[in-house]
Amino acid sequence: MKTFSPERANALIPKLAPLVEELLRKRRDLAIKLLEHDPALRVPPPGSTTRLAVPRSPLPVPRFGELKSEIVRLIHRIESFGGIVKDLDLGLIDFPSVRDGQPIVLCWKAGEPAVAHWHGTSEGFADRKPLT
């Protein structure tokens, strides 16, 4: 497994940021499409006396395979640089590193200008500490 210094991780941010933004967009698009096609969320037509959802269509629910494949492709592309996609909703990327002889991860969130935080390998985003 590759390990990163803060400088090495920061050098990747200009390459990773557009990929992560695209990943976030596609993830959002997929969530919207899934909600739009959820039969449980369909509202009965106006004037209907039923309070239940409209009966299911005989057509299968779209699976959005192409969009899902694009998301997986983006995750693999990001991870090919050595980062680890930790959260698709927040755009969190971890970079394996070592601090004082102990394994840690450098933590970057989409929208941040640089990698400026770290946490232990058994900790998460809420446990981030500044690199200073």
Foldseek 3Di string as FASTA:
>chain_A
DDADDQVRQQVCCVVLLVLLVVLLVLVVVVVVLCVVQDQQPAADDPPDPDRGGDDDDPDDGDPPVVSVVSNVVSQVVNCVSPWHQDDSNFSKIWGWHADPNAIKTQIDTRPDNGRFWIGHPPDDPVRTDGPD
